[in-house]
Amino acid sequence: MISTSILLLLAMRTPRLPAEPVPELLPGVTSGARAAVMEVVRLSLATMRETLRSNDRCSTFLGGLAQVQLDRTWYGTFEGDPHVAAFTDPQDRNRVYLNVNGPIFTYRPGQFAFGRTDLSPAVVPQVYLFHEMGHQLGIFGQDANDAALNERYSALIISNCFQGRPPSGP
């Protein structure tokens, strides 16, 4: 269930389509955390753009509109359950919210993620962001209340976008 503050946030914000999307942070995120969050997202988006250009399997899996969708996406943040990474706004698929308490920003080497323990902190945010792109493009259905389905969707991202690449880096 989406909290009241998230619904208020959705109602108050107007979409914007920046050339280089960066997160807009909610009040309460410290300036040090803000810089770290923005840097993780900036680096992840840059690497994702390159992956879509250079990895035919990934770009084919996500379809011809993947690059366009990446450019249209507005990224916001919220503070929530540490097991939740992100969600795509069901009312506006161009809006993705990232949990500053979630694994996109808190994953450390050796932790269990996507059925593995060998992913680097550089790869994990990209897997989650590509996963959300799958929702945005209609490739993936609703998985918020189905952990097994959510895990299968992430496994599809890994096998199509990161197969053959070292699991330790982008």
C-alpha atoms as a PDB file:
ATOM      1  CA  MET A   1       0.000   0.000   0.000  1.00  0.00           C
ATOM      2  CA  ILE A   2       1.323   3.457  -0.883  1.00  0.00           C
ATOM      3  CA  SER A   3       1.602   5.774   2.085  1.00  0.00           C
ATOM      4  CA  THR A   4      -0.368   8.999   2.319  1.00  0.00           C
ATOM      5  CA  SER A   5       2.805  11.068   1.996  1.00  0.00           C
ATOM      6  CA  ILE A   6       3.679   9.344  -1.289  1.00  0.00           C
ATOM      7  CA  LEU A   7       0.164   9.974  -2.630  1.00  0.00           C
ATOM      8  CA  LEU A   8       0.428  13.624  -1.615  1.00  0.00           C
ATOM      9  CA  LEU A   9       3.798  13.845  -3.275  1.00  0.00           C
ATOM     10  CA  LEU A  10       2.387  12.359  -6.474  1.00  0.00           C
ATOM     11  CA  ALA A  11      -0.483  14.822  -6.486  1.00  0.00           C
ATOM     12  CA  MET A  12       1.723  17.880  -5.847  1.00  0.00           C
ATOM     13  CA  ARG A  13       4.537  17.241  -8.336  1.00  0.00           C
ATOM     14  CA  THR A  14       4.399  18.035 -12.012  1.00  0.00           C
ATOM     15  CA  PRO A  15       6.342  15.825 -14.413  1.00  0.00           C
ATOM     16  CA  ARG A  16       9.521  17.078 -15.986  1.00  0.00           C
ATOM     17  CA  LEU A  17      11.589  15.444 -18.670  1.00  0.00           C
ATOM     18  CA  PRO A  18      15.225  16.416 -18.086  1.00  0.00           C
ATOM     19  CA  ALA A  19      17.902  15.466 -20.595  1.00  0.00           C
ATOM     20  CA  GLU A  20      19.918  13.808 -17.832  1.00  0.00           C
ATOM     21  CA  PRO A  21      17.441  12.579 -15.194  1.00  0.00           C
ATOM     22  CA  VAL A  22      18.547  12.812 -11.586  1.00  0.00           C
ATOM     23  CA  PRO A  23      16.567  12.094  -8.440  1.00  0.00           C
ATOM     24  CA  GLU A  24      14.592  14.743  -6.672  1.00  0.00           C
ATOM     25  CA  LEU A  25      14.936  14.100  -2.977  1.00  0.00           C
ATOM     26  CA  LEU A  26      12.304  14.328  -0.315  1.00  0.00           C
ATOM     27  CA  PRO A  27      12.803  16.550   2.716  1.00  0.00           C
ATOM     28  CA  GLY A  28      14.709  14.842   5.493  1.00  0.00           C
ATOM     29  CA  VAL A  29      17.482  13.397   3.335  1.00  0.00           C
ATOM     30  CA  THR A  30      20.725  14.903   4.572  1.00  0.00           C
ATOM     31  CA  SER A  31      22.935  16.817   2.164  1.00  0.00           C
ATOM     32  CA  GLY A  32      25.646  14.153   2.427  1.00  0.00           C
ATOM     33  CA  ALA A  33      23.151  11.431   1.563  1.00  0.00           C
ATOM     34  CA  ARG A  34      21.723  13.583  -1.240  1.00  0.00           C
ATOM     35  CA  ALA A  35      25.100  13.795  -2.973  1.00  0.00           C
ATOM     36  CA  ALA A  36      25.680  10.050  -2.585  1.00  0.00           C
ATOM     37  CA  VAL A  37      22.206   9.141  -3.888  1.00  0.00           C
ATOM     38  CA  MET A  38      22.519  11.461  -6.872  1.00  0.00           C
ATOM     39  CA  GLU A  39      25.945  10.065  -7.735  1.00  0.00           C
ATOM     40  CA  VAL A  40      24.738   6.431  -7.630  1.00  0.00           C
ATOM     41  CA  VAL A  41      21.817   7.254  -9.922  1.00  0.00           C
ATOM     42  CA  ARG A  42      23.895   9.423 -12.279  1.00  0.00           C
ATOM     43  CA  LEU A  43      26.547   6.718 -12.724  1.00  0.00           C
ATOM     44  CA  SER A  44      23.922   3.977 -13.092  1.00  0.00           C
ATOM     45  CA  LEU A  45      22.011   5.892 -15.767  1.00  0.00           C
ATOM     46  CA  ALA A  46      25.193   6.625 -17.722  1.00  0.00           C
ATOM     47  CA  THR A  47      26.162   2.943 -17.653  1.00  0.00           C
ATOM     48  CA  MET A  48      22.625   1.895 -18.589  1.00  0.00           C
ATOM     49  CA  ARG A  49      22.710   4.210 -21.623  1.00  0.00           C
ATOM     50  CA  GLU A  50      25.971   2.588 -22.728  1.00  0.00           C
ATOM     51  CA  THR A  51      24.562  -0.901 -22.091  1.00  0.00           C
ATOM     52  CA  LEU A  52      21.550  -0.149 -24.294  1.00  0.00           C
ATOM     53  CA  ARG A  53      23.870   1.102 -27.063  1.00  0.00           C
ATOM     54  CA  SER A  54      26.404  -1.730 -26.883  1.00  0.00           C
ATOM     55  CA  ASN A  55      24.496  -4.808 -25.671  1.00  0.00           C
ATOM     56  CA  ASP A  56      22.188  -6.075 -28.419  1.00  0.00           C
ATOM     57  CA  ARG A  57      20.681  -8.773 -26.219  1.00  0.00           C
ATOM     58  CA  CYS A  58      19.679  -6.232 -23.558  1.00  0.00           C
ATOM     59  CA  SER A  59      18.332  -3.650 -25.996  1.00  0.00           C
ATOM     60  CA  THR A  60      16.386  -6.358 -27.888  1.00  0.00           C
ATOM     61  CA  PHE A  61      14.894  -7.741 -24.655  1.00  0.00           C
ATOM     62  CA  LEU A  62      13.801  -4.272 -23.503  1.00  0.00           C
ATOM     63  CA  GLY A  63      12.675  -3.240 -26.994  1.00  0.00           C
ATOM     64  CA  GLY A  64      13.237  -0.309 -29.280  1.00  0.00           C
ATOM     65  CA  LEU A  65      11.790   2.233 -26.869  1.00  0.00           C
ATOM     66  CA  ALA A  66      14.157   1.487 -23.981  1.00  0.00           C
ATOM     67  CA  GLN A  67      16.498   4.413 -24.652  1.00  0.00           C
ATOM     68  CA  VAL A  68      13.551   6.771 -25.139  1.00  0.00           C
ATOM     69  CA  GLN A  69      11.982   5.528 -21.888  1.00  0.00           C
ATOM     70  CA  LEU A  70      15.236   6.071 -20.031  1.00  0.00           C
ATOM     71  CA  ASP A  71      15.306   9.664 -21.285  1.00  0.00           C
ATOM     72  CA  ARG A  72      11.648  10.261 -20.329  1.00  0.00           C
ATOM     73  CA  THR A  73      11.859   8.875 -16.810  1.00  0.00           C
ATOM     74  CA  TRP A  74      11.658  11.181 -13.828  1.00  0.00           C
ATOM     75  CA  TYR A  75      13.323   9.709 -10.729  1.00  0.00           C
ATOM     76  CA  GLY A  76      12.152  10.639  -7.256  1.00  0.00           C
ATOM     77  CA  THR A  77      12.947   9.154  -3.874  1.00  0.00           C
ATOM     78  CA  PHE A  78      11.124   8.000  -0.793  1.00  0.00           C
ATOM     79  CA  GLU A  79      12.104   6.554   2.579  1.00  0.00           C
ATOM     80  CA  GLY A  80      10.626   3.114   3.148  1.00  0.00           C
ATOM     81  CA  ASP A  81      11.082  -0.535   4.053  1.00  0.00           C
ATOM     82  CA  PRO A  82      14.739  -1.526   3.482  1.00  0.00           C
ATOM     83  CA  HIS A  83      13.642  -4.572   1.453  1.00  0.00           C
ATOM     84  CA  VAL A  84      11.880  -2.403  -1.146  1.00  0.00           C
ATOM     85  CA  ALA A  85      14.159  -0.967  -3.842  1.00  0.00           C
ATOM     86  CA  ALA A  86      11.841   1.053  -6.067  1.00  0.00           C
ATOM     87  CA  PHE A  87       8.437   1.297  -7.677  1.00  0.00           C
ATOM     88  CA  THR A  88       6.994   2.661 -10.880  1.00  0.00           C
ATOM     89  CA  ASP A  89       4.068   5.016 -10.378  1.00  0.00           C
ATOM     90  CA  PRO A  90       0.982   3.069 -11.533  1.00  0.00           C
ATOM     91  CA  GLN A  91      -0.653   6.329 -12.693  1.00  0.00           C
ATOM     92  CA  ASP A  92       2.368   7.601 -14.655  1.00  0.00           C
ATOM     93  CA  ARG A  93       4.914   5.095 -15.937  1.00  0.00           C
ATOM     94  CA  ASN A  94       7.402   7.897 -16.593  1.00  0.00           C
ATOM     95  CA  ARG A  95       7.854   8.317 -12.828  1.00  0.00           C
ATOM     96  CA  VAL A  96      10.007   5.931 -10.799  1.00  0.00           C
ATOM     97  CA  TYR A  97      10.550   6.262  -7.055  1.00  0.00           C
ATOM     98  CA  LEU A  98      13.739   4.937  -5.458  1.00  0.00           C
ATOM     99  CA  ASN A  99      13.888   3.982  -1.791  1.00  0.00           C
ATOM    100  CA  VAL A 100      16.864   5.732  -0.158  1.00  0.00           C
ATOM    101  CA  ASN A 101      16.739   3.034   2.555  1.00  0.00           C
ATOM    102  CA  GLY A 102      16.571   0.191   0.021  1.00  0.00           C
ATOM    103  CA  PRO A 103      19.137  -2.065  -1.622  1.00  0.00           C
ATOM    104  CA  ILE A 104      19.884   0.296  -4.522  1.00  0.00           C
ATOM    105  CA  PHE A 105      21.748   2.464  -2.029  1.00  0.00           C
ATOM    106  CA  THR A 106      22.555   0.071   0.813  1.00  0.00           C
ATOM    107  CA  TYR A 107      23.841  -3.043  -0.993  1.00  0.00           C
ATOM    108  CA  ARG A 108      27.381  -4.078  -0.025  1.00  0.00           C
ATOM    109  CA  PRO A 109      29.650  -6.708  -1.639  1.00  0.00           C
ATOM    110  CA  GLY A 110      28.898 -10.206  -0.393  1.00  0.00           C
ATOM    111  CA  GLN A 111      25.265  -9.484   0.440  1.00  0.00           C
ATOM    112  CA  PHE A 112      22.582 -11.684  -1.075  1.00  0.00           C
ATOM    113  CA  ALA A 113      20.861 -10.057  -4.062  1.00  0.00           C
ATOM    114  CA  PHE A 114      18.971 -11.680  -6.931  1.00  0.00           C
ATOM    115  CA  GLY A 115      19.947 -15.152  -5.725  1.00  0.00           C
ATOM    116  CA  ARG A 116      23.649 -14.292  -5.794  1.00  0.00           C
ATOM    117  CA  THR A 117      26.334 -12.864  -3.543  1.00  0.00           C
ATOM    118  CA  ASP A 118      28.860 -11.873  -6.235  1.00  0.00           C
ATOM    119  CA  LEU A 119      27.373  -8.645  -7.599  1.00  0.00           C
ATOM    120  CA  SER A 120      29.137  -5.348  -7.143  1.00  0.00           C
ATOM    121  CA  PRO A 121      27.485  -2.226  -5.748  1.00  0.00           C
ATOM    122  CA  ALA A 122      27.863  -0.755  -9.272  1.00  0.00           C
ATOM    123  CA  VAL A 123      25.719  -3.460 -10.919  1.00  0.00           C
ATOM    124  CA  VAL A 124      22.927  -3.760  -8.342  1.00  0.00           C
ATOM    125  CA  PRO A 125      21.365  -0.300  -8.955  1.00  0.00           C
ATOM    126  CA  GLN A 126      21.371  -0.939 -12.705  1.00  0.00           C
ATOM    127  CA  VAL A 127      19.546  -4.250 -12.253  1.00  0.00           C
ATOM    128  CA  TYR A 128      16.854  -2.511 -10.189  1.00  0.00           C
ATOM    129  CA  LEU A 129      16.547   0.419 -12.612  1.00  0.00           C
ATOM    130  CA  PHE A 130      16.350  -1.895 -15.647  1.00  0.00           C
ATOM    131  CA  HIS A 131      13.779  -3.961 -13.692  1.00  0.00           C
ATOM    132  CA  GLU A 132      11.645  -0.832 -13.244  1.00  0.00           C
ATOM    133  CA  MET A 133      12.096  -0.061 -16.934  1.00  0.00           C
ATOM    134  CA  GLY A 134      10.578  -3.487 -17.638  1.00  0.00           C
ATOM    135  CA  HIS A 135       7.481  -2.330 -15.739  1.00  0.00           C
ATOM    136  CA  GLN A 136       7.479   1.031 -17.506  1.00  0.00           C
ATOM    137  CA  LEU A 137       7.596  -0.609 -20.940  1.00  0.00           C
ATOM    138  CA  GLY A 138       4.889  -3.158 -20.058  1.00  0.00           C
ATOM    139  CA  ILE A 139       7.271  -6.132 -20.348  1.00  0.00           C
ATOM    140  CA  PHE A 140       6.729  -6.996 -16.678  1.00  0.00           C
ATOM    141  CA  GLY A 141       3.407  -7.123 -14.888  1.00  0.00           C
ATOM    142  CA  GLN A 142       2.597  -6.215 -11.300  1.00  0.00           C
ATOM    143  CA  ASP A 143       4.977  -7.906  -8.842  1.00  0.00           C
ATOM    144  CA  ALA A 144       4.800  -5.792  -5.681  1.00  0.00           C
ATOM    145  CA  ASN A 145       3.073  -8.541  -3.690  1.00  0.00           C
ATOM    146  CA  ASP A 146       4.800 -11.523  -5.302  1.00  0.00           C
ATOM    147  CA  ALA A 147       8.448 -11.909  -4.238  1.00  0.00           C
ATOM    148  CA  ALA A 148       9.021 -14.940  -6.483  1.00  0.00           C
ATOM    149  CA  LEU A 149       7.747 -13.109  -9.571  1.00  0.00           C
ATOM    150  CA  ASN A 150       9.788 -10.032  -8.664  1.00  0.00           C
ATOM    151  CA  GLU A 151      12.881 -12.247  -8.392  1.00  0.00           C
ATOM    152  CA  ARG A 152      12.137 -13.863 -11.792  1.00  0.00           C
ATOM    153  CA  TYR A 153      11.849 -10.439 -13.433  1.00  0.00           C
ATOM    154  CA  SER A 154      15.215  -9.413 -11.976  1.00  0.00           C
ATOM    155  CA  ALA A 155      16.751 -12.706 -13.151  1.00  0.00           C
ATOM    156  CA  LEU A 156      15.550 -11.888 -16.685  1.00  0.00           C
ATOM    157  CA  ILE A 157      17.297  -8.522 -16.489  1.00  0.00           C
ATOM    158  CA  ILE A 158      20.523 -10.142 -15.290  1.00  0.00           C
ATOM    159  CA  SER A 159      20.467 -12.858 -17.967  1.00  0.00           C
ATOM    160  CA  ASN A 160      19.659 -10.440 -20.797  1.00  0.00           C
ATOM    161  CA  CYS A 161      21.648  -7.360 -19.788  1.00  0.00           C
ATOM    162  CA  PHE A 162      24.554  -8.667 -17.699  1.00  0.00           C
ATOM    163  CA  GLN A 163      25.217 -12.187 -19.032  1.00  0.00           C
ATOM    164  CA  GLY A 164      28.829 -12.596 -20.061  1.00  0.00           C
ATOM    165  CA  ARG A 165      29.890  -9.531 -18.087  1.00  0.00           C
ATOM    166  CA  PRO A 166      31.839  -9.954 -14.902  1.00  0.00           C
ATOM    167  CA  PRO A 167      29.408  -9.888 -11.961  1.00  0.00           C
ATOM    168  CA  SER A 168      31.783  -7.591 -10.083  1.00  0.00           C
ATOM    169  CA  GLY A 169      31.374  -4.502 -12.230  1.00  0.00           C
ATOM    170  CA  PRO A 170      29.586  -2.591 -14.937  1.00  0.00           C
END
